[in-house]
Amino acid sequence: MHTRILTTLAAGVLLAATAACGAKSLDSGASDRASVVLDKAPTEEKAADVINAITPDKDLAAKAPASLRSGGLKVVSSIGYPPMELFASDGKTPIGFDPALARAIARKLGVKVTITDEEFNSQIPGVLSGRYDFVISSMSDTPEREGQITFVDYVRAGAGLVIKKGNPAGIAGPKDLCGKTVSVVDNGSSMNLAERYAADCKKAGSAAIDILKFPGDQEALLQVSGGRAQASVTDYVVAASKAADPKLAVDAVALDGTESPWGIGIRPDNKQLIESVKGALDSLIRGGEYGRLLKAWNLDRLAVRSAVVNGGK
């Protein structure tokens, strides 16, 4: 398996995109004192200014596992799902909302962070084996996964529509799709949702939905840009990412009622880390940094009001 690793080390061996900033002294809560050089966010990270302004919370830092102070926070993600996770222009530096939040949590706890790119199915085993402290990778918090790891839920994400800029077709929700042409990725959750909406139109006696199926998101999106389809059903985070690109001239519409929590996955017996991550996330929410991280990536609608442990149903 080819694994790409971004490791944040001491100044002098660090990549320019993740150069260290000034040293911070923290009271560990014990007799020893930890001196930590906090990492700066990569220059291409949209929320870099927000992340770099975060200072450690002394109480949270004192309660964090000692392993974080000695070895840093080891995070795993699957890079390649913008805007949640993507690589900077160097092809190896993780940016996006998930890496941004991981860096923010690390700074709040006063520790360094390493973000490793792994194939999605390898992430939970990597956490359970102790190779990683947590996974943050657009992972849905489901009862099945809760049987393996404990989640600290950090967003609520669902499906969305990509429509033309300015919404000339007047599409505000599923009922407005009746009588329209809709593009989807074939054999996926978006297609299943479109077919459900089509069945609802038929049941209501409304005009049918013409569903166009394609192998990938890009092909489905082109149908909207080219005028062949009035909407494309996809994940809301994908729709939001497309809407943030002015060259595409599209808008994103969230499909209410499709949301479910995505969580930061931690080994269940690591109670101290679970509490530390939950505490750091709650602190970021209260302080407003969390909301600004979301806004930087055009993901405001995903916000949660507090960190919830195992909120998936």
C-alpha atoms as a PDB file:
ATOM      1  CA  MET A   1       0.000   0.000   0.000  1.00  0.00           C
ATOM      2  CA  HIS A   2       1.366   3.379  -0.932  1.00  0.00           C
ATOM      3  CA  THR A   3       1.082   5.699   2.037  1.00  0.00           C
ATOM      4  CA  ARG A   4       1.794   9.410   1.890  1.00  0.00           C
ATOM      5  CA  ILE A   5       2.730  10.968   5.208  1.00  0.00           C
ATOM      6  CA  LEU A   6       2.859  14.606   6.225  1.00  0.00           C
ATOM      7  CA  THR A   7       4.958  14.773   9.380  1.00  0.00           C
ATOM      8  CA  THR A   8       5.297  17.988  11.313  1.00  0.00           C
ATOM      9  CA  LEU A   9       8.704  18.015  12.985  1.00  0.00           C
ATOM     10  CA  ALA A  10      10.971  20.556  14.615  1.00  0.00           C
ATOM     11  CA  ALA A  11      11.957  23.727  12.789  1.00  0.00           C
ATOM     12  CA  GLY A  12      14.778  23.191  10.337  1.00  0.00           C
ATOM     13  CA  VAL A  13      13.488  19.881   8.935  1.00  0.00           C
ATOM     14  CA  LEU A  14       9.911  20.984   8.356  1.00  0.00           C
ATOM     15  CA  LEU A  15       8.454  21.619   4.921  1.00  0.00           C
ATOM     16  CA  ALA A  16       7.866  25.291   4.210  1.00  0.00           C
ATOM     17  CA  ALA A  17       4.093  24.753   4.095  1.00  0.00           C
ATOM     18  CA  THR A  18       4.094  23.506   7.671  1.00  0.00           C
ATOM     19  CA  ALA A  19       6.883  25.530   9.229  1.00  0.00           C
ATOM     20  CA  ALA A  20       6.763  25.781  12.996  1.00  0.00           C
ATOM     21  CA  CYS A  21       5.827  28.893  14.890  1.00  0.00           C
ATOM     22  CA  GLY A  22       6.921  30.169  18.289  1.00  0.00           C
ATOM     23  CA  ALA A  23       7.443  27.924  21.287  1.00  0.00           C
ATOM     24  CA  LYS A  24       4.705  27.585  23.901  1.00  0.00           C
ATOM     25  CA  SER A  25       5.290  26.411  27.478  1.00  0.00           C
ATOM     26  CA  LEU A  26       2.450  24.397  29.006  1.00  0.00           C
ATOM     27  CA  ASP A  27       1.865  23.110  32.492  1.00  0.00           C
ATOM     28  CA  SER A  28       1.374  19.363  32.086  1.00  0.00           C
ATOM     29  CA  GLY A  29      -0.552  19.136  35.360  1.00  0.00           C
ATOM     30  CA  ALA A  30       2.292  17.137  36.875  1.00  0.00           C
ATOM     31  CA  SER A  31       5.701  18.096  38.160  1.00  0.00           C
ATOM     32  CA  ASP A  32       7.171  18.286  34.670  1.00  0.00           C
ATOM     33  CA  ARG A  33       6.580  21.103  32.208  1.00  0.00           C
ATOM     34  CA  ALA A  34       6.277  20.491  28.455  1.00  0.00           C
ATOM     35  CA  SER A  35       7.771  22.895  25.958  1.00  0.00           C
ATOM     36  CA  VAL A  36       5.990  22.521  22.638  1.00  0.00           C
ATOM     37  CA  VAL A  37       6.624  24.203  19.306  1.00  0.00           C
ATOM     38  CA  LEU A  38       3.178  24.525  17.740  1.00  0.00           C
ATOM     39  CA  ASP A  39       2.745  23.916  14.015  1.00  0.00           C
ATOM     40  CA  LYS A  40       1.534  26.522  11.585  1.00  0.00           C
ATOM     41  CA  ALA A  41      -1.140  25.601   9.058  1.00  0.00           C
ATOM     42  CA  PRO A  42      -0.013  25.120   5.431  1.00  0.00           C
ATOM     43  CA  THR A  43      -0.055  28.316   3.418  1.00  0.00           C
ATOM     44  CA  GLU A  44      -2.691  26.936   1.007  1.00  0.00           C
ATOM     45  CA  GLU A  45      -5.070  26.055   3.828  1.00  0.00           C
ATOM     46  CA  LYS A  46      -8.063  28.402   3.467  1.00  0.00           C
ATOM     47  CA  ALA A  47      -8.479  28.595   7.229  1.00  0.00           C
ATOM     48  CA  ALA A  48      -4.754  29.075   7.959  1.00  0.00           C
ATOM     49  CA  ASP A  49      -5.223  32.412   9.741  1.00  0.00           C
ATOM     50  CA  VAL A  50      -7.904  30.928  11.988  1.00  0.00           C
ATOM     51  CA  ILE A  51      -5.771  27.895  12.870  1.00  0.00           C
ATOM     52  CA  ASN A  52      -2.598  29.872  13.499  1.00  0.00           C
ATOM     53  CA  ALA A  53      -4.421  32.190  15.926  1.00  0.00           C
ATOM     54  CA  ILE A  54      -5.529  29.294  18.155  1.00  0.00           C
ATOM     55  CA  THR A  55      -3.636  29.116  21.444  1.00  0.00           C
ATOM     56  CA  PRO A  56      -3.515  26.155  23.827  1.00  0.00           C
ATOM     57  CA  ASP A  57      -6.103  25.758  26.538  1.00  0.00           C
ATOM     58  CA  LYS A  58      -4.026  25.200  29.693  1.00  0.00           C
ATOM     59  CA  ASP A  59      -6.614  22.999  31.417  1.00  0.00           C
ATOM     60  CA  LEU A  60      -7.267  20.842  28.351  1.00  0.00           C
ATOM     61  CA  ALA A  61      -3.539  20.502  27.690  1.00  0.00           C
ATOM     62  CA  ALA A  62      -2.928  19.362  31.261  1.00  0.00           C
ATOM     63  CA  LYS A  63      -5.589  16.636  30.966  1.00  0.00           C
ATOM     64  CA  ALA A  64      -4.469  15.340  27.551  1.00  0.00           C
ATOM     65  CA  PRO A  65      -2.759  11.947  27.362  1.00  0.00           C
ATOM     66  CA  ALA A  66       0.970  12.133  28.076  1.00  0.00           C
ATOM     67  CA  SER A  67       1.620  10.320  24.784  1.00  0.00           C
ATOM     68  CA  LEU A  68       0.396  13.383  22.881  1.00  0.00           C
ATOM     69  CA  ARG A  69       2.907  15.631  24.597  1.00  0.00           C
ATOM     70  CA  SER A  70       5.779  13.253  23.886  1.00  0.00           C
ATOM     71  CA  GLY A  71       4.853  11.988  20.428  1.00  0.00           C
ATOM     72  CA  GLY A  72       2.284  14.439  19.118  1.00  0.00           C
ATOM     73  CA  LEU A  73      -1.240  13.753  17.882  1.00  0.00           C
ATOM     74  CA  LYS A  74      -1.212  11.046  15.191  1.00  0.00           C
ATOM     75  CA  VAL A  75      -4.136  11.470  12.801  1.00  0.00           C
ATOM     76  CA  VAL A  76      -5.213   9.397   9.804  1.00  0.00           C
ATOM     77  CA  SER A  77      -7.405  10.513   6.910  1.00  0.00           C
ATOM     78  CA  SER A  78      -8.143   9.525   3.331  1.00  0.00           C
ATOM     79  CA  ILE A  79      -7.094  12.489   1.216  1.00  0.00           C
ATOM     80  CA  GLY A  80      -9.061  13.080  -1.962  1.00  0.00           C
ATOM     81  CA  TYR A  81     -12.592  14.181  -1.080  1.00  0.00           C
ATOM     82  CA  PRO A  82     -12.652  17.973  -1.424  1.00  0.00           C
ATOM     83  CA  PRO A  83     -13.472  20.160   0.355  1.00  0.00           C
ATOM     84  CA  MET A  84     -13.209  17.822   3.347  1.00  0.00           C
ATOM     85  CA  GLU A  85      -9.772  16.442   2.469  1.00  0.00           C
ATOM     86  CA  LEU A  86      -7.468  17.280  -0.429  1.00  0.00           C
ATOM     87  CA  PHE A  87      -3.803  17.847  -1.206  1.00  0.00           C
ATOM     88  CA  ALA A  88      -2.205  21.236  -1.646  1.00  0.00           C
ATOM     89  CA  SER A  89      -0.492  22.000  -4.951  1.00  0.00           C
ATOM     90  CA  ASP A  90       2.639  20.123  -3.834  1.00  0.00           C
ATOM     91  CA  GLY A  91       0.632  16.881  -4.007  1.00  0.00           C
ATOM     92  CA  LYS A  92       1.499  15.801  -0.463  1.00  0.00           C
ATOM     93  CA  THR A  93       0.355  18.398   2.078  1.00  0.00           C
ATOM     94  CA  PRO A  94      -3.158  17.662   3.418  1.00  0.00           C
ATOM     95  CA  ILE A  95      -5.564  20.599   3.520  1.00  0.00           C
ATOM     96  CA  GLY A  96      -9.360  20.883   3.680  1.00  0.00           C
ATOM     97  CA  PHE A  97     -11.794  20.997   6.561  1.00  0.00           C
ATOM     98  CA  ASP A  98     -10.824  17.687   8.187  1.00  0.00           C
ATOM     99  CA  PRO A  99      -7.064  18.450   8.305  1.00  0.00           C
ATOM    100  CA  ALA A 100      -7.913  21.997   9.420  1.00  0.00           C
ATOM    101  CA  LEU A 101      -9.974  20.721  12.348  1.00  0.00           C
ATOM    102  CA  ALA A 102      -7.289  18.180  13.277  1.00  0.00           C
ATOM    103  CA  ARG A 103      -4.705  20.976  13.388  1.00  0.00           C
ATOM    104  CA  ALA A 104      -7.057  23.184  15.394  1.00  0.00           C
ATOM    105  CA  ILE A 105      -7.641  20.424  17.964  1.00  0.00           C
ATOM    106  CA  ALA A 106      -3.889  19.836  18.244  1.00  0.00           C
ATOM    107  CA  ARG A 107      -3.236  23.529  18.860  1.00  0.00           C
ATOM    108  CA  LYS A 108      -6.028  23.687  21.449  1.00  0.00           C
ATOM    109  CA  LEU A 109      -4.398  20.746  23.264  1.00  0.00           C
ATOM    110  CA  GLY A 110      -0.965  22.320  22.872  1.00  0.00           C
ATOM    111  CA  VAL A 111       0.577  19.444  20.914  1.00  0.00           C
ATOM    112  CA  LYS A 112       2.094  18.794  17.514  1.00  0.00           C
ATOM    113  CA  VAL A 113       0.220  16.824  14.845  1.00  0.00           C
ATOM    114  CA  THR A 114       0.999  14.305  12.126  1.00  0.00           C
ATOM    115  CA  ILE A 115      -1.583  13.683   9.386  1.00  0.00           C
ATOM    116  CA  THR A 116      -1.236  10.424   7.448  1.00  0.00           C
ATOM    117  CA  ASP A 117      -3.031   9.513   4.232  1.00  0.00           C
ATOM    118  CA  GLU A 118      -4.387   5.953   4.278  1.00  0.00           C
ATOM    119  CA  GLU A 119      -6.900   3.983   2.258  1.00  0.00           C
ATOM    120  CA  PHE A 120     -10.335   4.360   3.877  1.00  0.00           C
ATOM    121  CA  ASN A 121     -10.755   0.715   4.937  1.00  0.00           C
ATOM    122  CA  SER A 122      -7.378   0.738   6.714  1.00  0.00           C
ATOM    123  CA  GLN A 123      -8.227   3.628   9.014  1.00  0.00           C
ATOM    124  CA  ILE A 124     -10.274   1.957  11.753  1.00  0.00           C
ATOM    125  CA  PRO A 125      -7.792  -0.945  12.049  1.00  0.00           C
ATOM    126  CA  GLY A 126      -4.997   1.635  12.284  1.00  0.00           C
ATOM    127  CA  VAL A 127      -6.751   3.359  15.198  1.00  0.00           C
ATOM    128  CA  LEU A 128      -7.539   0.082  16.958  1.00  0.00           C
ATOM    129  CA  SER A 129      -3.921  -1.074  16.658  1.00  0.00           C
ATOM    130  CA  GLY A 130      -2.679   2.164  18.228  1.00  0.00           C
ATOM    131  CA  ARG A 131      -0.857   3.313  15.115  1.00  0.00           C
ATOM    132  CA  TYR A 132      -3.080   6.421  15.022  1.00  0.00           C
ATOM    133  CA  ASP A 133      -4.785   8.380  17.786  1.00  0.00           C
ATOM    134  CA  PHE A 134      -7.855   9.158  15.725  1.00  0.00           C
ATOM    135  CA  VAL A 135      -9.376   9.067  12.262  1.00  0.00           C
ATOM    136  CA  ILE A 136     -11.048  12.123  10.745  1.00  0.00           C
ATOM    137  CA  SER A 137     -12.093  11.296   7.206  1.00  0.00           C
ATOM    138  CA  SER A 138     -15.715  12.220   6.418  1.00  0.00           C
ATOM    139  CA  MET A 139     -16.665   9.025   8.253  1.00  0.00           C
ATOM    140  CA  SER A 140     -20.339   8.520   9.079  1.00  0.00           C
ATOM    141  CA  ASP A 141     -21.058   7.691  12.715  1.00  0.00           C
ATOM    142  CA  THR A 142     -23.152   4.523  12.389  1.00  0.00           C
ATOM    143  CA  PRO A 143     -24.231   1.930  14.964  1.00  0.00           C
ATOM    144  CA  GLU A 144     -22.172  -0.654  13.084  1.00  0.00           C
ATOM    145  CA  ARG A 145     -18.990   1.393  13.341  1.00  0.00           C
ATOM    146  CA  GLU A 146     -19.742   2.266  16.966  1.00  0.00           C
ATOM    147  CA  GLY A 147     -19.270  -1.443  17.635  1.00  0.00           C
ATOM    148  CA  GLN A 148     -15.588  -0.920  16.817  1.00  0.00           C
ATOM    149  CA  ILE A 149     -14.653   2.659  17.692  1.00  0.00           C
ATOM    150  CA  THR A 150     -16.022   5.617  19.632  1.00  0.00           C
ATOM    151  CA  PHE A 151     -16.977   8.747  17.715  1.00  0.00           C
ATOM    152  CA  VAL A 152     -16.835  12.389  18.678  1.00  0.00           C
ATOM    153  CA  ASP A 153     -19.288  13.839  16.154  1.00  0.00           C
ATOM    154  CA  TYR A 154     -18.044  17.042  14.520  1.00  0.00           C
ATOM    155  CA  VAL A 155     -20.455  17.786  11.619  1.00  0.00           C
ATOM    156  CA  ARG A 156     -23.838  16.740  10.288  1.00  0.00           C
ATOM    157  CA  ALA A 157     -23.683  16.103   6.562  1.00  0.00           C
ATOM    158  CA  GLY A 158     -26.218  14.965   4.011  1.00  0.00           C
ATOM    159  CA  ALA A 159     -27.140  15.103   0.351  1.00  0.00           C
ATOM    160  CA  GLY A 160     -27.468  18.188  -1.808  1.00  0.00           C
ATOM    161  CA  LEU A 161     -28.304  19.470  -5.254  1.00  0.00           C
ATOM    162  CA  VAL A 162     -26.089  21.252  -7.744  1.00  0.00           C
ATOM    163  CA  ILE A 163     -28.163  23.751  -9.727  1.00  0.00           C
ATOM    164  CA  LYS A 164     -27.382  26.605 -12.110  1.00  0.00           C
ATOM    165  CA  LYS A 165     -26.246  29.880 -10.565  1.00  0.00           C
ATOM    166  CA  GLY A 166     -29.230  32.022  -9.647  1.00  0.00           C
ATOM    167  CA  ASN A 167     -31.559  28.990  -9.657  1.00  0.00           C
ATOM    168  CA  PRO A 168     -33.442  29.755 -12.914  1.00  0.00           C
ATOM    169  CA  ALA A 169     -35.420  26.498 -12.600  1.00  0.00           C
ATOM    170  CA  GLY A 170     -36.742  27.492  -9.163  1.00  0.00           C
ATOM    171  CA  ILE A 171     -35.526  24.373  -7.336  1.00  0.00           C
ATOM    172  CA  ALA A 172     -35.602  24.684  -3.553  1.00  0.00           C
ATOM    173  CA  GLY A 173     -36.180  21.061  -2.576  1.00  0.00           C
ATOM    174  CA  PRO A 174     -37.191  17.555  -3.715  1.00  0.00           C
ATOM    175  CA  LYS A 175     -40.765  18.491  -4.718  1.00  0.00           C
ATOM    176  CA  ASP A 176     -39.399  20.978  -7.238  1.00  0.00           C
ATOM    177  CA  LEU A 177     -37.615  18.168  -9.083  1.00  0.00           C
ATOM    178  CA  CYS A 178     -40.902  16.774 -10.413  1.00  0.00           C
ATOM    179  CA  GLY A 179     -40.981  17.295 -14.177  1.00  0.00           C
ATOM    180  CA  LYS A 180     -37.250  18.112 -14.257  1.00  0.00           C
ATOM    181  CA  THR A 181     -34.191  16.296 -15.587  1.00  0.00           C
ATOM    182  CA  VAL A 182     -31.777  15.237 -12.850  1.00  0.00           C
ATOM    183  CA  SER A 183     -28.264  13.820 -13.247  1.00  0.00           C
ATOM    184  CA  VAL A 184     -26.678  11.395 -10.769  1.00  0.00           C
ATOM    185  CA  VAL A 185     -23.736   9.050 -10.320  1.00  0.00           C
ATOM    186  CA  ASP A 186     -24.905   5.567 -11.280  1.00  0.00           C
ATOM    187  CA  ASN A 187     -25.279   2.864  -8.610  1.00  0.00           C
ATOM    188  CA  GLY A 188     -24.750   5.064  -5.565  1.00  0.00           C
ATOM    189  CA  SER A 189     -26.635   6.677  -2.702  1.00  0.00           C
ATOM    190  CA  SER A 190     -27.374   9.749  -4.860  1.00  0.00           C
ATOM    191  CA  MET A 191     -29.084   7.598  -7.483  1.00  0.00           C
ATOM    192  CA  ASN A 192     -31.118   5.854  -4.783  1.00  0.00           C
ATOM    193  CA  LEU A 193     -32.214   9.231  -3.434  1.00  0.00           C
ATOM    194  CA  ALA A 194     -33.155  10.504  -6.893  1.00  0.00           C
ATOM    195  CA  GLU A 195     -35.208   7.372  -7.509  1.00  0.00           C
ATOM    196  CA  ARG A 196     -36.961   7.872  -4.181  1.00  0.00           C
ATOM    197  CA  TYR A 197     -37.842  11.443  -5.147  1.00  0.00           C
ATOM    198  CA  ALA A 198     -39.069  10.182  -8.524  1.00  0.00           C
ATOM    199  CA  ALA A 199     -41.334   7.672  -6.768  1.00  0.00           C
ATOM    200  CA  ASP A 200     -42.688  10.468  -4.556  1.00  0.00           C
ATOM    201  CA  CYS A 201     -43.527  12.558  -7.633  1.00  0.00           C
ATOM    202  CA  LYS A 202     -45.363   9.621  -9.179  1.00  0.00           C
ATOM    203  CA  LYS A 203     -47.262   8.921  -5.971  1.00  0.00           C
ATOM    204  CA  ALA A 204     -48.335  12.558  -5.770  1.00  0.00           C
ATOM    205  CA  GLY A 205     -49.544  12.501  -9.377  1.00  0.00           C
ATOM    206  CA  SER A 206     -46.905  15.027 -10.425  1.00  0.00           C
ATOM    207  CA  ALA A 207     -44.780  15.025 -13.557  1.00  0.00           C
ATOM    208  CA  ALA A 208     -42.034  12.407 -13.607  1.00  0.00           C
ATOM    209  CA  ILE A 209     -38.336  13.013 -12.980  1.00  0.00           C
ATOM    210  CA  ASP A 210     -36.059  12.116 -15.875  1.00  0.00           C
ATOM    211  CA  ILE A 211     -32.944  10.615 -14.252  1.00  0.00           C
ATOM    212  CA  LEU A 212     -29.662  10.663 -16.201  1.00  0.00           C
ATOM    213  CA  LYS A 213     -27.010   8.274 -14.848  1.00  0.00           C
ATOM    214  CA  PHE A 214     -23.239   8.738 -15.181  1.00  0.00           C
ATOM    215  CA  PRO A 215     -20.111   7.002 -13.873  1.00  0.00           C
ATOM    216  CA  GLY A 216     -18.775  10.005 -11.938  1.00  0.00           C
ATOM    217  CA  ASP A 217     -19.609  13.339 -10.309  1.00  0.00           C
ATOM    218  CA  GLN A 218     -17.859  15.357 -12.994  1.00  0.00           C
ATOM    219  CA  GLU A 219     -19.956  13.903 -15.806  1.00  0.00           C
ATOM    220  CA  ALA A 220     -23.131  14.456 -13.783  1.00  0.00           C
ATOM    221  CA  LEU A 221     -22.151  18.048 -13.051  1.00  0.00           C
ATOM    222  CA  LEU A 222     -21.505  18.789 -16.731  1.00  0.00           C
ATOM    223  CA  GLN A 223     -25.153  18.046 -17.461  1.00  0.00           C
ATOM    224  CA  VAL A 224     -26.170  20.981 -15.260  1.00  0.00           C
ATOM    225  CA  SER A 225     -23.502  23.302 -16.637  1.00  0.00           C
ATOM    226  CA  GLY A 226     -24.481  22.376 -20.188  1.00  0.00           C
ATOM    227  CA  GLY A 227     -28.214  22.781 -19.603  1.00  0.00           C
ATOM    228  CA  ARG A 228     -29.186  19.177 -20.218  1.00  0.00           C
ATOM    229  CA  ALA A 229     -30.207  18.696 -16.557  1.00  0.00           C
ATOM    230  CA  GLN A 230     -31.705  21.210 -14.172  1.00  0.00           C
ATOM    231  CA  ALA A 231     -30.133  19.605 -11.096  1.00  0.00           C
ATOM    232  CA  SER A 232     -27.617  16.994 -10.006  1.00  0.00           C
ATOM    233  CA  VAL A 233     -28.017  14.980  -6.803  1.00  0.00           C
ATOM    234  CA  THR A 234     -24.770  14.457  -4.876  1.00  0.00           C
ATOM    235  CA  ASP A 235     -23.279  14.788  -1.378  1.00  0.00           C
ATOM    236  CA  TYR A 236     -23.818  18.284  -0.019  1.00  0.00           C
ATOM    237  CA  VAL A 237     -20.090  18.753   0.632  1.00  0.00           C
ATOM    238  CA  VAL A 238     -19.437  18.060  -3.056  1.00  0.00           C
ATOM    239  CA  ALA A 239     -22.179  20.496  -4.075  1.00  0.00           C
ATOM    240  CA  ALA A 240     -20.755  23.144  -1.744  1.00  0.00           C
ATOM    241  CA  SER A 241     -17.281  22.638  -3.179  1.00  0.00           C
ATOM    242  CA  LYS A 242     -18.558  23.114  -6.723  1.00  0.00           C
ATOM    243  CA  ALA A 243     -20.572  26.186  -5.732  1.00  0.00           C
ATOM    244  CA  ALA A 244     -17.428  27.756  -4.255  1.00  0.00           C
ATOM    245  CA  ASP A 245     -15.763  27.714  -7.691  1.00  0.00           C
ATOM    246  CA  PRO A 246     -16.957  30.821  -9.583  1.00  0.00           C
ATOM    247  CA  LYS A 247     -15.903  29.326 -12.918  1.00  0.00           C
ATOM    248  CA  LEU A 248     -18.596  26.648 -12.638  1.00  0.00           C
ATOM    249  CA  ALA A 249     -21.462  29.128 -12.109  1.00  0.00           C
ATOM    250  CA  VAL A 250     -23.515  26.760  -9.944  1.00  0.00           C
ATOM    251  CA  ASP A 251     -25.245  26.918  -6.559  1.00  0.00           C
ATOM    252  CA  ALA A 252     -25.679  24.280  -3.858  1.00  0.00           C
ATOM    253  CA  VAL A 253     -29.000  23.355  -2.240  1.00  0.00           C
ATOM    254  CA  ALA A 254     -29.000  21.225   0.916  1.00  0.00           C
ATOM    255  CA  LEU A 255     -31.551  18.417   1.006  1.00  0.00           C
ATOM    256  CA  ASP A 256     -33.021  18.667   4.496  1.00  0.00           C
ATOM    257  CA  GLY A 257     -33.736  15.424   6.284  1.00  0.00           C
ATOM    258  CA  THR A 258     -30.813  13.549   4.756  1.00  0.00           C
ATOM    259  CA  GLU A 259     -28.271  14.644   7.373  1.00  0.00           C
ATOM    260  CA  SER A 260     -26.362  12.260   9.628  1.00  0.00           C
ATOM    261  CA  PRO A 261     -23.367  12.805  11.921  1.00  0.00           C
ATOM    262  CA  TRP A 262     -19.767  12.321  10.836  1.00  0.00           C
ATOM    263  CA  GLY A 263     -17.369  11.535  13.636  1.00  0.00           C
ATOM    264  CA  ILE A 264     -13.762  11.565  14.756  1.00  0.00           C
ATOM    265  CA  GLY A 265     -13.061   7.890  15.482  1.00  0.00           C
ATOM    266  CA  ILE A 266     -11.074   6.948  18.603  1.00  0.00           C
ATOM    267  CA  ARG A 267     -10.281   3.611  20.254  1.00  0.00           C
ATOM    268  CA  PRO A 268     -13.040   3.002  22.850  1.00  0.00           C
ATOM    269  CA  ASP A 269     -10.681   2.256  25.718  1.00  0.00           C
ATOM    270  CA  ASN A 270      -8.794   5.527  25.211  1.00  0.00           C
ATOM    271  CA  LYS A 271     -11.166   7.428  27.491  1.00  0.00           C
ATOM    272  CA  GLN A 272      -8.686  10.207  28.234  1.00  0.00           C
ATOM    273  CA  LEU A 273      -8.242  11.004  24.540  1.00  0.00           C
ATOM    274  CA  ILE A 274     -11.996  10.874  23.890  1.00  0.00           C
ATOM    275  CA  GLU A 275     -12.542  13.473  26.614  1.00  0.00           C
ATOM    276  CA  SER A 276      -9.640  15.582  25.346  1.00  0.00           C
ATOM    277  CA  VAL A 277     -10.930  15.653  21.768  1.00  0.00           C
ATOM    278  CA  LYS A 278     -14.492  16.328  22.914  1.00  0.00           C
ATOM    279  CA  GLY A 279     -13.267  19.122  25.176  1.00  0.00           C
ATOM    280  CA  ALA A 280     -11.124  20.672  22.446  1.00  0.00           C
ATOM    281  CA  LEU A 281     -13.981  20.580  19.926  1.00  0.00           C
ATOM    282  CA  ASP A 282     -16.430  22.121  22.396  1.00  0.00           C
ATOM    283  CA  SER A 283     -13.893  24.851  23.147  1.00  0.00           C
ATOM    284  CA  LEU A 284     -13.455  25.575  19.425  1.00  0.00           C
ATOM    285  CA  ILE A 285     -17.240  25.725  18.980  1.00  0.00           C
ATOM    286  CA  ARG A 286     -17.696  28.112  21.915  1.00  0.00           C
ATOM    287  CA  GLY A 287     -14.779  30.275  20.812  1.00  0.00           C
ATOM    288  CA  GLY A 288     -16.060  30.619  17.249  1.00  0.00           C
ATOM    289  CA  GLU A 289     -13.006  29.090  15.564  1.00  0.00           C
ATOM    290  CA  TYR A 290     -15.013  26.023  14.538  1.00  0.00           C
ATOM    291  CA  GLY A 291     -17.567  28.147  12.699  1.00  0.00           C
ATOM    292  CA  ARG A 292     -14.817  30.095  10.953  1.00  0.00           C
ATOM    293  CA  LEU A 293     -13.127  26.870   9.830  1.00  0.00           C
ATOM    294  CA  LEU A 294     -16.409  25.729   8.271  1.00  0.00           C
ATOM    295  CA  LYS A 295     -16.992  29.099   6.632  1.00  0.00           C
ATOM    296  CA  ALA A 296     -13.536  29.097   5.080  1.00  0.00           C
ATOM    297  CA  TRP A 297     -14.471  25.919   3.209  1.00  0.00           C
ATOM    298  CA  ASN A 298     -18.074  26.979   2.424  1.00  0.00           C
ATOM    299  CA  LEU A 299     -19.472  24.331   4.778  1.00  0.00           C
ATOM    300  CA  ASP A 300     -21.468  26.432   7.246  1.00  0.00           C
ATOM    301  CA  ARG A 301     -24.532  24.178   6.966  1.00  0.00           C
ATOM    302  CA  LEU A 302     -22.621  21.236   8.458  1.00  0.00           C
ATOM    303  CA  ALA A 303     -22.178  22.907  11.853  1.00  0.00           C
ATOM    304  CA  VAL A 304     -23.071  21.192  15.125  1.00  0.00           C
ATOM    305  CA  ARG A 305     -23.818  23.051  18.350  1.00  0.00           C
ATOM    306  CA  SER A 306     -21.724  20.809  20.605  1.00  0.00           C
ATOM    307  CA  ALA A 307     -19.485  17.772  20.470  1.00  0.00           C
ATOM    308  CA  VAL A 308     -21.570  14.604  20.915  1.00  0.00           C
ATOM    309  CA  VAL A 309     -20.136  11.160  21.582  1.00  0.00           C
ATOM    310  CA  ASN A 310     -21.648   8.344  19.480  1.00  0.00           C
ATOM    311  CA  GLY A 311     -24.623  10.317  18.207  1.00  0.00           C
ATOM    312  CA  GLY A 312     -25.207   8.089  15.174  1.00  0.00           C
ATOM    313  CA  LYS A 313     -28.532   6.280  14.931  1.00  0.00           C
END
